[in-house]
Amino acid sequence: MLAVEQTVIPHTGAEAARARARTTLAPYLRLRNYRSAWLRGGFTAEDLALGGSNRLIDALFAWGSPDRIAARLTEHRQAGADHVAVQVVTDTPGTFARQAWRDLAPELVTA
């Protein structure tokens, strides 16, 4: 079984979505094991600098409308994932993302 995790940010604007992603990513950028894995995966030191390049952010986070996020999750399934765990990140960390889940649910059920 191949189970993967995809962090999603329910923002349709690139600037807001990437800002939220950079906040979420910040602690991981300080960890050597994550940095090494991203470098081995084809990212550069420049991609890891200054909170992460747009290229890194867009590769690690699915953001946008519910249908755009669902399309990203479908890509994982088409690439061989048996299960895709979805982590929703909102502007209010530590609060259950009830509305975001309600907005995503119709698309995810069919993804």
PDB file of N, CA and C in Angstrom:
ATOM      1  N   MET A   1       0.846  -1.171   0.000  1.00  0.00           N
ATOM      2  CA  MET A   1       0.000   0.000   0.000  1.00  0.00           C
ATOM      3  C   MET A   1       0.890   1.232   0.000  1.00  0.00           C
ATOM      4  N   LEU A   2       0.569   2.162  -0.839  1.00  0.00           N
ATOM      5  CA  LEU A   2       1.270   3.441  -0.879  1.00  0.00           C
ATOM      6  C   LEU A   2       0.312   4.517  -0.393  1.00  0.00           C
ATOM      7  N   ALA A   3       0.605   5.075   0.765  1.00  0.00           N
ATOM      8  CA  ALA A   3      -0.209   6.145   1.342  1.00  0.00           C
ATOM      9  C   ALA A   3       0.646   7.410   1.392  1.00  0.00           C
ATOM     10  N   VAL A   4       0.132   8.482   0.838  1.00  0.00           N
ATOM     11  CA  VAL A   4       0.852   9.751   0.825  1.00  0.00           C
ATOM     12  C   VAL A   4       0.021  10.809   1.532  1.00  0.00           C
ATOM     13  N   GLU A   5       0.663  11.886   1.884  1.00  0.00           N
ATOM     14  CA  GLU A   5      -0.011  13.013   2.543  1.00  0.00           C
ATOM     15  C   GLU A   5       0.139  14.230   1.659  1.00  0.00           C
ATOM     16  N   GLN A   6      -0.933  14.988   1.529  1.00  0.00           N
ATOM     17  CA  GLN A   6      -0.898  16.234   0.778  1.00  0.00           C
ATOM     18  C   GLN A   6      -1.477  17.334   1.639  1.00  0.00           C
ATOM     19  N   THR A   7      -0.679  18.352   1.863  1.00  0.00           N
ATOM     20  CA  THR A   7      -1.158  19.514   2.587  1.00  0.00           C
ATOM     21  C   THR A   7      -1.849  20.434   1.601  1.00  0.00           C
ATOM     22  N   VAL A   8      -3.034  20.885   1.968  1.00  0.00           N
ATOM     23  CA  VAL A   8      -3.802  21.761   1.093  1.00  0.00           C
ATOM     24  C   VAL A   8      -4.118  23.067   1.801  1.00  0.00           C
ATOM     25  N   ILE A   9      -4.168  24.113   1.014  1.00  0.00           N
ATOM     26  CA  ILE A   9      -4.471  25.442   1.529  1.00  0.00           C
ATOM     27  C   ILE A   9      -5.620  26.004   0.704  1.00  0.00           C
ATOM     28  N   PRO A  10      -6.773  26.190   1.329  1.00  0.00           N
ATOM     29  CA  PRO A  10      -7.951  26.626   0.594  1.00  0.00           C
ATOM     30  C   PRO A  10      -7.971  28.133   0.323  1.00  0.00           C
ATOM     31  N   HIS A  11      -6.965  28.601  -0.390  1.00  0.00           N
ATOM     32  CA  HIS A  11      -6.894  29.998  -0.839  1.00  0.00           C
ATOM     33  C   HIS A  11      -6.796  29.972  -2.357  1.00  0.00           C
ATOM     34  N   THR A  12      -7.535  30.817  -3.026  1.00  0.00           N
ATOM     35  CA  THR A  12      -7.450  30.855  -4.482  1.00  0.00           C
ATOM     36  C   THR A  12      -6.411  31.859  -4.961  1.00  0.00           C
ATOM     37  N   GLY A  13      -6.013  32.781  -4.104  1.00  0.00           N
ATOM     38  CA  GLY A  13      -4.993  33.751  -4.482  1.00  0.00           C
ATOM     39  C   GLY A  13      -3.605  33.226  -4.191  1.00  0.00           C
ATOM     40  N   ALA A  14      -2.717  33.333  -5.189  1.00  0.00           N
ATOM     41  CA  ALA A  14      -1.357  32.811  -5.041  1.00  0.00           C
ATOM     42  C   ALA A  14      -0.620  33.452  -3.877  1.00  0.00           C
ATOM     43  N   GLU A  15      -0.723  34.746  -3.726  1.00  0.00           N
ATOM     44  CA  GLU A  15       0.021  35.433  -2.675  1.00  0.00           C
ATOM     45  C   GLU A  15      -0.403  34.963  -1.285  1.00  0.00           C
ATOM     46  N   ALA A  16      -1.696  34.886  -1.042  1.00  0.00           N
ATOM     47  CA  ALA A  16      -2.195  34.449   0.271  1.00  0.00           C
ATOM     48  C   ALA A  16      -1.871  32.982   0.524  1.00  0.00           C
ATOM     49  N   ALA A  17      -2.057  32.149  -0.487  1.00  0.00           N
ATOM     50  CA  ALA A  17      -1.791  30.720  -0.324  1.00  0.00           C
ATOM     51  C   ALA A  17      -0.317  30.471  -0.038  1.00  0.00           C
ATOM     52  N   ARG A  18       0.537  31.109  -0.800  1.00  0.00           N
ATOM     53  CA  ARG A  18       1.981  30.892  -0.603  1.00  0.00           C
ATOM     54  C   ARG A  18       2.457  31.466   0.723  1.00  0.00           C
ATOM     55  N   ALA A  19       1.889  32.553   1.168  1.00  0.00           N
ATOM     56  CA  ALA A  19       2.260  33.116   2.479  1.00  0.00           C
ATOM     57  C   ALA A  19       1.894  32.135   3.589  1.00  0.00           C
ATOM     58  N   ARG A  20       0.704  31.559   3.511  1.00  0.00           N
ATOM     59  CA  ARG A  20       0.272  30.584   4.526  1.00  0.00           C
ATOM     60  C   ARG A  20       1.161  29.338   4.448  1.00  0.00           C
ATOM     61  N   ALA A  21       1.503  28.916   3.243  1.00  0.00           N
ATOM     62  CA  ALA A  21       2.369  27.749   3.072  1.00  0.00           C
ATOM     63  C   ALA A  21       3.739  27.999   3.680  1.00  0.00           C
ATOM     64  N   ARG A  22       4.274  29.180   3.477  1.00  0.00           N
ATOM     65  CA  ARG A  22       5.608  29.488   4.027  1.00  0.00           C
ATOM     66  C   ARG A  22       5.592  29.467   5.557  1.00  0.00           C
ATOM     67  N   THR A  23       4.522  29.921   6.155  1.00  0.00           N
ATOM     68  CA  THR A  23       4.406  29.865   7.612  1.00  0.00           C
ATOM     69  C   THR A  23       4.385  28.409   8.076  1.00  0.00           C
ATOM     70  N   THR A  24       3.649  27.582   7.375  1.00  0.00           N
ATOM     71  CA  THR A  24       3.555  26.158   7.721  1.00  0.00           C
ATOM     72  C   THR A  24       4.886  25.446   7.492  1.00  0.00           C
ATOM     73  N   LEU A  25       5.584  25.817   6.446  1.00  0.00           N
ATOM     74  CA  LEU A  25       6.827  25.155   6.064  1.00  0.00           C
ATOM     75  C   LEU A  25       8.025  25.571   6.917  1.00  0.00           C
ATOM     76  N   ALA A  26       7.981  26.740   7.519  1.00  0.00           N
ATOM     77  CA  ALA A  26       9.141  27.312   8.215  1.00  0.00           C
ATOM     78  C   ALA A  26       9.855  26.344   9.158  1.00  0.00           C
ATOM     79  N   PRO A  27       9.167  25.640  10.047  1.00  0.00           N
ATOM     80  CA  PRO A  27       9.901  24.745  10.955  1.00  0.00           C
ATOM     81  C   PRO A  27      10.629  23.614  10.222  1.00  0.00           C
ATOM     82  N   TYR A  28      10.070  23.139   9.120  1.00  0.00           N
ATOM     83  CA  TYR A  28      10.665  22.039   8.368  1.00  0.00           C
ATOM     84  C   TYR A  28      11.910  22.473   7.603  1.00  0.00           C
ATOM     85  N   LEU A  29      11.938  23.721   7.191  1.00  0.00           N
ATOM     86  CA  LEU A  29      13.102  24.223   6.464  1.00  0.00           C
ATOM     87  C   LEU A  29      14.361  24.251   7.333  1.00  0.00           C
ATOM     88  N   ARG A  30      14.188  24.197   8.646  1.00  0.00           N
ATOM     89  CA  ARG A  30      15.330  24.200   9.557  1.00  0.00           C
ATOM     90  C   ARG A  30      15.846  22.785   9.852  1.00  0.00           C
ATOM     91  N   LEU A  31      15.126  21.778   9.398  1.00  0.00           N
ATOM     92  CA  LEU A  31      15.494  20.395   9.714  1.00  0.00           C
ATOM     93  C   LEU A  31      16.316  19.774   8.584  1.00  0.00           C
ATOM     94  N   ARG A  32      17.482  19.281   8.957  1.00  0.00           N
ATOM     95  CA  ARG A  32      18.424  18.747   7.977  1.00  0.00           C
ATOM     96  C   ARG A  32      17.837  17.598   7.163  1.00  0.00           C
ATOM     97  N   ASN A  33      17.082  16.706   7.794  1.00  0.00           N
ATOM     98  CA  ASN A  33      16.555  15.561   7.055  1.00  0.00           C
ATOM     99  C   ASN A  33      15.574  15.996   5.962  1.00  0.00           C
ATOM    100  N   TYR A  34      14.749  16.979   6.241  1.00  0.00           N
ATOM    101  CA  TYR A  34      13.837  17.475   5.214  1.00  0.00           C
ATOM    102  C   TYR A  34      14.610  18.183   4.100  1.00  0.00           C
ATOM    103  N   ARG A  35      15.535  19.035   4.492  1.00  0.00           N
ATOM    104  CA  ARG A  35      16.325  19.761   3.492  1.00  0.00           C
ATOM    105  C   ARG A  35      17.066  18.788   2.578  1.00  0.00           C
ATOM    106  N   SER A  36      17.672  17.773   3.170  1.00  0.00           N
ATOM    107  CA  SER A  36      18.409  16.786   2.375  1.00  0.00           C
ATOM    108  C   SER A  36      17.488  16.053   1.411  1.00  0.00           C
ATOM    109  N   ALA A  37      16.318  15.681   1.881  1.00  0.00           N
ATOM    110  CA  ALA A  37      15.368  14.980   1.014  1.00  0.00           C
ATOM    111  C   ALA A  37      14.941  15.866  -0.149  1.00  0.00           C
ATOM    112  N   TRP A  38      14.672  17.127   0.110  1.00  0.00           N
ATOM    113  CA  TRP A  38      14.258  18.036  -0.969  1.00  0.00           C
ATOM    114  C   TRP A  38      15.393  18.257  -1.963  1.00  0.00           C
ATOM    115  N   LEU A  39      16.616  18.348  -1.466  1.00  0.00           N
ATOM    116  CA  LEU A  39      17.761  18.510  -2.365  1.00  0.00           C
ATOM    117  C   LEU A  39      17.947  17.262  -3.228  1.00  0.00           C
ATOM    118  N   ARG A  40      17.807  16.090  -2.618  1.00  0.00           N
ATOM    119  CA  ARG A  40      17.900  14.848  -3.386  1.00  0.00           C
ATOM    120  C   ARG A  40      16.764  14.736  -4.396  1.00  0.00           C
ATOM    121  N   GLY A  41      15.646  15.362  -4.086  1.00  0.00           N
ATOM    122  CA  GLY A  41      14.478  15.320  -4.961  1.00  0.00           C
ATOM    123  C   GLY A  41      14.523  16.314  -6.106  1.00  0.00           C
ATOM    124  N   GLY A  42      15.595  17.076  -6.205  1.00  0.00           N
ATOM    125  CA  GLY A  42      15.743  17.964  -7.344  1.00  0.00           C
ATOM    126  C   GLY A  42      15.602  19.446  -7.057  1.00  0.00           C
ATOM    127  N   PHE A  43      15.334  19.793  -5.812  1.00  0.00           N
ATOM    128  CA  PHE A  43      15.279  21.211  -5.463  1.00  0.00           C
ATOM    129  C   PHE A  43      16.693  21.708  -5.190  1.00  0.00           C
ATOM    130  N   THR A  44      16.885  23.000  -5.257  1.00  0.00           N
ATOM    131  CA  THR A  44      18.199  23.601  -5.049  1.00  0.00           C
ATOM    132  C   THR A  44      18.237  24.324  -3.708  1.00  0.00           C
ATOM    133  N   ALA A  45      19.435  24.688  -3.295  1.00  0.00           N
ATOM    134  CA  ALA A  45      19.586  25.470  -2.060  1.00  0.00           C
ATOM    135  C   ALA A  45      18.810  26.776  -2.173  1.00  0.00           C
ATOM    136  N   GLU A  46      18.747  27.346  -3.370  1.00  0.00           N
ATOM    137  CA  GLU A  46      17.991  28.583  -3.571  1.00  0.00           C
ATOM    138  C   GLU A  46      16.495  28.351  -3.356  1.00  0.00           C
ATOM    139  N   ASP A  47      16.003  27.164  -3.720  1.00  0.00           N
ATOM    140  CA  ASP A  47      14.591  26.841  -3.492  1.00  0.00           C
ATOM    141  C   ASP A  47      14.265  26.794  -2.004  1.00  0.00           C
ATOM    142  N   LEU A  48      15.270  26.445  -1.184  1.00  0.00           N
ATOM    143  CA  LEU A  48      15.051  26.301   0.252  1.00  0.00           C
ATOM    144  C   LEU A  48      15.302  27.593   1.025  1.00  0.00           C
ATOM    145  N   ALA A  49      15.799  28.603   0.358  1.00  0.00           N
ATOM    146  CA  ALA A  49      16.148  29.866   1.028  1.00  0.00           C
ATOM    147  C   ALA A  49      14.924  30.779   1.146  1.00  0.00           C
ATOM    148  N   LEU A  50      14.996  31.675   2.095  1.00  0.00           N
ATOM    149  CA  LEU A  50      14.010  32.753   2.246  1.00  0.00           C
ATOM    150  C   LEU A  50      12.566  32.264   2.319  1.00  0.00           C
ATOM    151  N   GLY A  51      12.355  31.189   3.053  1.00  0.00           N
ATOM    152  CA  GLY A  51      11.002  30.678   3.240  1.00  0.00           C
ATOM    153  C   GLY A  51      10.527  29.730   2.167  1.00  0.00           C
ATOM    154  N   GLY A  52      11.350  29.504   1.171  1.00  0.00           N
ATOM    155  CA  GLY A  52      10.987  28.587   0.097  1.00  0.00           C
ATOM    156  C   GLY A  52      10.573  29.311  -1.161  1.00  0.00           C
ATOM    157  N   SER A  53      11.097  28.846  -2.281  1.00  0.00           N
ATOM    158  CA  SER A  53      10.750  29.442  -3.572  1.00  0.00           C
ATOM    159  C   SER A  53       9.302  29.094  -3.929  1.00  0.00           C
ATOM    160  N   ASN A  54       8.750  29.829  -4.871  1.00  0.00           N
ATOM    161  CA  ASN A  54       7.412  29.497  -5.359  1.00  0.00           C
ATOM    162  C   ASN A  54       7.389  28.087  -5.922  1.00  0.00           C
ATOM    163  N   ARG A  55       8.468  27.665  -6.558  1.00  0.00           N
ATOM    164  CA  ARG A  55       8.563  26.311  -7.106  1.00  0.00           C
ATOM    165  C   ARG A  55       8.423  25.261  -6.005  1.00  0.00           C
ATOM    166  N   LEU A  56       9.121  25.459  -4.896  1.00  0.00           N
ATOM    167  CA  LEU A  56       9.038  24.532  -3.772  1.00  0.00           C
ATOM    168  C   LEU A  56       7.638  24.544  -3.168  1.00  0.00           C
ATOM    169  N   ILE A  57       7.121  25.731  -2.923  1.00  0.00           N
ATOM    170  CA  ILE A  57       5.795  25.864  -2.312  1.00  0.00           C
ATOM    171  C   ILE A  57       4.741  25.181  -3.174  1.00  0.00           C
ATOM    172  N   ASP A  58       4.775  25.442  -4.460  1.00  0.00           N
ATOM    173  CA  ASP A  58       3.762  24.878  -5.353  1.00  0.00           C
ATOM    174  C   ASP A  58       3.894  23.369  -5.494  1.00  0.00           C
ATOM    175  N   ALA A  59       5.086  22.838  -5.291  1.00  0.00           N
ATOM    176  CA  ALA A  59       5.278  21.386  -5.337  1.00  0.00           C
ATOM    177  C   ALA A  59       4.799  20.708  -4.059  1.00  0.00           C
ATOM    178  N   LEU A  60       4.984  21.364  -2.929  1.00  0.00           N
ATOM    179  CA  LEU A  60       4.660  20.746  -1.646  1.00  0.00           C
ATOM    180  C   LEU A  60       3.222  20.955  -1.200  1.00  0.00           C
ATOM    181  N   PHE A  61       2.604  22.023  -1.642  1.00  0.00           N
ATOM    182  CA  PHE A  61       1.263  22.378  -1.182  1.00  0.00           C
ATOM    183  C   PHE A  61       0.300  22.437  -2.356  1.00  0.00           C
ATOM    184  N   ALA A  62      -0.892  21.890  -2.148  1.00  0.00           N
ATOM    185  CA  ALA A  62      -1.969  22.065  -3.130  1.00  0.00           C
ATOM    186  C   ALA A  62      -2.803  23.235  -2.630  1.00  0.00           C
ATOM    187  N   TRP A  63      -2.977  24.223  -3.464  1.00  0.00           N
ATOM    188  CA  TRP A  63      -3.772  25.373  -3.053  1.00  0.00           C
ATOM    189  C   TRP A  63      -4.677  25.785  -4.208  1.00  0.00           C
ATOM    190  N   GLY A  64      -5.691  26.530  -3.859  1.00  0.00           N
ATOM    191  CA  GLY A  64      -6.614  27.005  -4.878  1.00  0.00           C
ATOM    192  C   GLY A  64      -8.040  26.619  -4.565  1.00  0.00           C
ATOM    193  N   SER A  65      -8.827  26.549  -5.612  1.00  0.00           N
ATOM    194  CA  SER A  65     -10.243  26.201  -5.491  1.00  0.00           C
ATOM    195  C   SER A  65     -10.374  24.713  -5.163  1.00  0.00           C
ATOM    196  N   PRO A  66     -11.543  24.318  -4.645  1.00  0.00           N
ATOM    197  CA  PRO A  66     -11.738  22.890  -4.354  1.00  0.00           C
ATOM    198  C   PRO A  66     -11.480  21.984  -5.557  1.00  0.00           C
ATOM    199  N   ASP A  67     -11.894  22.393  -6.753  1.00  0.00           N
ATOM    200  CA  ASP A  67     -11.665  21.520  -7.908  1.00  0.00           C
ATOM    201  C   ASP A  67     -10.186  21.452  -8.280  1.00  0.00           C
ATOM    202  N   ARG A  68      -9.456  22.534  -8.076  1.00  0.00           N
ATOM    203  CA  ARG A  68      -8.009  22.514  -8.346  1.00  0.00           C
ATOM    204  C   ARG A  68      -7.288  21.614  -7.338  1.00  0.00           C
ATOM    205  N   ILE A  69      -7.692  21.686  -6.082  1.00  0.00           N
ATOM    206  CA  ILE A  69      -7.100  20.832  -5.048  1.00  0.00           C
ATOM    207  C   ILE A  69      -7.423  19.371  -5.338  1.00  0.00           C
ATOM    208  N   ALA A  70      -8.677  19.084  -5.713  1.00  0.00           N
ATOM    209  CA  ALA A  70      -9.073  17.711  -6.027  1.00  0.00           C
ATOM    210  C   ALA A  70      -8.259  17.169  -7.205  1.00  0.00           C
ATOM    211  N   ALA A  71      -7.988  18.006  -8.185  1.00  0.00           N
ATOM    212  CA  ALA A  71      -7.180  17.572  -9.332  1.00  0.00           C
ATOM    213  C   ALA A  71      -5.783  17.179  -8.883  1.00  0.00           C
ATOM    214  N   ARG A  72      -5.234  17.918  -7.951  1.00  0.00           N
ATOM    215  CA  ARG A  72      -3.898  17.606  -7.428  1.00  0.00           C
ATOM    216  C   ARG A  72      -3.899  16.270  -6.699  1.00  0.00           C
ATOM    217  N   LEU A  73      -4.961  16.005  -5.933  1.00  0.00           N
ATOM    218  CA  LEU A  73      -5.064  14.734  -5.219  1.00  0.00           C
ATOM    219  C   LEU A  73      -5.229  13.578  -6.203  1.00  0.00           C
ATOM    220  N   THR A  74      -5.955  13.806  -7.261  1.00  0.00           N
ATOM    221  CA  THR A  74      -6.133  12.796  -8.303  1.00  0.00           C
ATOM    222  C   THR A  74      -4.792  12.452  -8.943  1.00  0.00           C
ATOM    223  N   GLU A  75      -3.918  13.433  -9.096  1.00  0.00           N
ATOM    224  CA  GLU A  75      -2.586  13.172  -9.653  1.00  0.00           C
ATOM    225  C   GLU A  75      -1.837  12.140  -8.816  1.00  0.00           C
ATOM    226  N   HIS A  76      -1.960  12.228  -7.497  1.00  0.00           N
ATOM    227  CA  HIS A  76      -1.305  11.242  -6.621  1.00  0.00           C
ATOM    228  C   HIS A  76      -1.850   9.844  -6.883  1.00  0.00           C
ATOM    229  N   ARG A  77      -3.173   9.734  -7.005  1.00  0.00           N
ATOM    230  CA  ARG A  77      -3.788   8.436  -7.257  1.00  0.00           C
ATOM    231  C   ARG A  77      -3.344   7.894  -8.614  1.00  0.00           C
ATOM    232  N   GLN A  78      -3.296   8.756  -9.607  1.00  0.00           N
ATOM    233  CA  GLN A  78      -2.876   8.325 -10.940  1.00  0.00           C
ATOM    234  C   GLN A  78      -1.405   7.910 -10.967  1.00  0.00           C
ATOM    235  N   ALA A  79      -0.622   8.455 -10.047  1.00  0.00           N
ATOM    236  CA  ALA A  79       0.801   8.109  -9.965  1.00  0.00           C
ATOM    237  C   ALA A  79       1.038   6.844  -9.140  1.00  0.00           C
ATOM    238  N   GLY A  80      -0.037   6.259  -8.590  1.00  0.00           N
ATOM    239  CA  GLY A  80       0.105   4.996  -7.889  1.00  0.00           C
ATOM    240  C   GLY A  80      -0.247   4.993  -6.418  1.00  0.00           C
ATOM    241  N   ALA A  81      -0.632   6.133  -5.864  1.00  0.00           N
ATOM    242  CA  ALA A  81      -1.009   6.159  -4.446  1.00  0.00           C
ATOM    243  C   ALA A  81      -2.318   5.416  -4.244  1.00  0.00           C
ATOM    244  N   ASP A  82      -2.361   4.579  -3.202  1.00  0.00           N
ATOM    245  CA  ASP A  82      -3.583   3.874  -2.841  1.00  0.00           C
ATOM    246  C   ASP A  82      -4.464   4.722  -1.941  1.00  0.00           C
ATOM    247  N   HIS A  83      -3.833   5.613  -1.208  1.00  0.00           N
ATOM    248  CA  HIS A  83      -4.551   6.456  -0.249  1.00  0.00           C
ATOM    249  C   HIS A  83      -3.853   7.813  -0.201  1.00  0.00           C
ATOM    250  N   VAL A  84      -4.627   8.867  -0.137  1.00  0.00           N
ATOM    251  CA  VAL A  84      -4.068  10.212  -0.007  1.00  0.00           C
ATOM    252  C   VAL A  84      -4.679  10.845   1.238  1.00  0.00           C
ATOM    253  N   ALA A  85      -3.851  11.053   2.249  1.00  0.00           N
ATOM    254  CA  ALA A  85      -4.291  11.753   3.449  1.00  0.00           C
ATOM    255  C   ALA A  85      -4.233  13.248   3.167  1.00  0.00           C
ATOM    256  N   VAL A  86      -5.269  13.954   3.533  1.00  0.00           N
ATOM    257  CA  VAL A  86      -5.373  15.379   3.248  1.00  0.00           C
ATOM    258  C   VAL A  86      -5.252  16.157   4.549  1.00  0.00           C
ATOM    259  N   GLN A  87      -4.278  17.042   4.591  1.00  0.00           N
ATOM    260  CA  GLN A  87      -4.083  17.932   5.740  1.00  0.00           C
ATOM    261  C   GLN A  87      -4.479  19.338   5.287  1.00  0.00           C
ATOM    262  N   VAL A  88      -5.553  19.873   5.874  1.00  0.00           N
ATOM    263  CA  VAL A  88      -6.007  21.211   5.515  1.00  0.00           C
ATOM    264  C   VAL A  88      -5.368  22.223   6.457  1.00  0.00           C
ATOM    265  N   VAL A  89      -4.726  23.222   5.868  1.00  0.00           N
ATOM    266  CA  VAL A  89      -4.098  24.301   6.629  1.00  0.00           C
ATOM    267  C   VAL A  89      -4.888  25.575   6.361  1.00  0.00           C
ATOM    268  N   THR A  90      -5.290  26.237   7.424  1.00  0.00           N
ATOM    269  CA  THR A  90      -6.037  27.483   7.278  1.00  0.00           C
ATOM    270  C   THR A  90      -5.278  28.622   7.943  1.00  0.00           C
ATOM    271  N   ASP A  91      -5.871  29.790   7.932  1.00  0.00           N
ATOM    272  CA  ASP A  91      -5.232  30.960   8.534  1.00  0.00           C
ATOM    273  C   ASP A  91      -5.270  30.939  10.051  1.00  0.00           C
ATOM    274  N   THR A  92      -6.003  30.007  10.634  1.00  0.00           N
ATOM    275  CA  THR A  92      -6.123  29.933  12.085  1.00  0.00           C
ATOM    276  C   THR A  92      -5.573  28.593  12.566  1.00  0.00           C
ATOM    277  N   PRO A  93      -4.243  28.502  12.741  1.00  0.00           N
ATOM    278  CA  PRO A  93      -3.655  27.230  13.186  1.00  0.00           C
ATOM    279  C   PRO A  93      -4.256  26.773  14.512  1.00  0.00           C
ATOM    280  N   GLY A  94      -4.409  25.467  14.640  1.00  0.00           N
ATOM    281  CA  GLY A  94      -4.929  24.906  15.873  1.00  0.00           C
ATOM    282  C   GLY A  94      -6.445  24.875  15.948  1.00  0.00           C
ATOM    283  N   THR A  95      -7.103  25.409  14.948  1.00  0.00           N
ATOM    284  CA  THR A  95      -8.563  25.394  14.908  1.00  0.00           C
ATOM    285  C   THR A  95      -8.997  24.439  13.814  1.00  0.00           C
ATOM    286  N   PHE A  96      -9.981  23.596  14.115  1.00  0.00           N
ATOM    287  CA  PHE A  96     -10.465  22.647  13.124  1.00  0.00           C
ATOM    288  C   PHE A  96     -11.002  23.405  11.913  1.00  0.00           C
ATOM    289  N   ALA A  97     -10.613  22.962  10.751  1.00  0.00           N
ATOM    290  CA  ALA A  97     -10.945  23.649   9.494  1.00  0.00           C
ATOM    291  C   ALA A  97     -12.307  23.197   8.967  1.00  0.00           C
ATOM    292  N   ARG A  98     -13.323  23.320   9.787  1.00  0.00           N
ATOM    293  CA  ARG A  98     -14.660  22.817   9.447  1.00  0.00           C
ATOM    294  C   ARG A  98     -15.174  23.360   8.112  1.00  0.00           C
ATOM    295  N   GLN A  99     -15.117  24.673   7.930  1.00  0.00           N
ATOM    296  CA  GLN A  99     -15.655  25.239   6.690  1.00  0.00           C
ATOM    297  C   GLN A  99     -14.835  24.817   5.476  1.00  0.00           C
ATOM    298  N   ALA A 100     -13.534  24.757   5.632  1.00  0.00           N
ATOM    299  CA  ALA A 100     -12.685  24.317   4.518  1.00  0.00           C
ATOM    300  C   ALA A 100     -13.023  22.882   4.126  1.00  0.00           C
ATOM    301  N   TRP A 101     -13.234  22.017   5.120  1.00  0.00           N
ATOM    302  CA  TRP A 101     -13.602  20.627   4.822  1.00  0.00           C
ATOM    303  C   TRP A 101     -14.958  20.571   4.125  1.00  0.00           C
ATOM    304  N   ARG A 102     -15.894  21.399   4.562  1.00  0.00           N
ATOM    305  CA  ARG A 102     -17.215  21.418   3.914  1.00  0.00           C
ATOM    306  C   ARG A 102     -17.105  21.868   2.463  1.00  0.00           C
ATOM    307  N   ASP A 103     -16.242  22.844   2.211  1.00  0.00           N
ATOM    308  CA  ASP A 103     -16.053  23.333   0.850  1.00  0.00           C
ATOM    309  C   ASP A 103     -15.367  22.293  -0.035  1.00  0.00           C
ATOM    310  N   LEU A 104     -14.424  21.549   0.547  1.00  0.00           N
ATOM    311  CA  LEU A 104     -13.664  20.556  -0.219  1.00  0.00           C
ATOM    312  C   LEU A 104     -14.400  19.226  -0.406  1.00  0.00           C
ATOM    313  N   ALA A 105     -15.264  18.877   0.526  1.00  0.00           N
ATOM    314  CA  ALA A 105     -15.877  17.552   0.546  1.00  0.00           C
ATOM    315  C   ALA A 105     -16.523  17.132  -0.766  1.00  0.00           C
ATOM    316  N   PRO A 106     -17.342  17.958  -1.405  1.00  0.00           N
ATOM    317  CA  PRO A 106     -17.961  17.492  -2.653  1.00  0.00           C
ATOM    318  C   PRO A 106     -16.943  17.117  -3.725  1.00  0.00           C
ATOM    319  N   GLU A 107     -15.843  17.817  -3.769  1.00  0.00           N
ATOM    320  CA  GLU A 107     -14.813  17.509  -4.756  1.00  0.00           C
ATOM    321  C   GLU A 107     -13.975  16.299  -4.363  1.00  0.00           C
ATOM    322  N   LEU A 108     -13.710  16.153  -3.075  1.00  0.00           N
ATOM    323  CA  LEU A 108     -12.852  15.059  -2.623  1.00  0.00           C
ATOM    324  C   LEU A 108     -13.529  13.716  -2.694  1.00  0.00           C
ATOM    325  N   VAL A 109     -14.827  13.693  -2.534  1.00  0.00           N
ATOM    326  CA  VAL A 109     -15.561  12.434  -2.599  1.00  0.00           C
ATOM    327  C   VAL A 109     -15.448  11.826  -3.985  1.00  0.00           C
ATOM    328  N   THR A 110     -15.298  12.673  -4.997  1.00  0.00           N
ATOM    329  CA  THR A 110     -15.195  12.170  -6.361  1.00  0.00           C
ATOM    330  C   THR A 110     -13.757  12.118  -6.853  1.00  0.00           C
ATOM    331  N   ALA A 111     -12.805  12.649  -6.064  1.00  0.00           N
ATOM    332  CA  ALA A 111     -11.408  12.716  -6.511  1.00  0.00           C
ATOM    333  C   ALA A 111     -10.762  11.342  -6.483  1.00  0.00           C
TER     334      ALA A 111
END
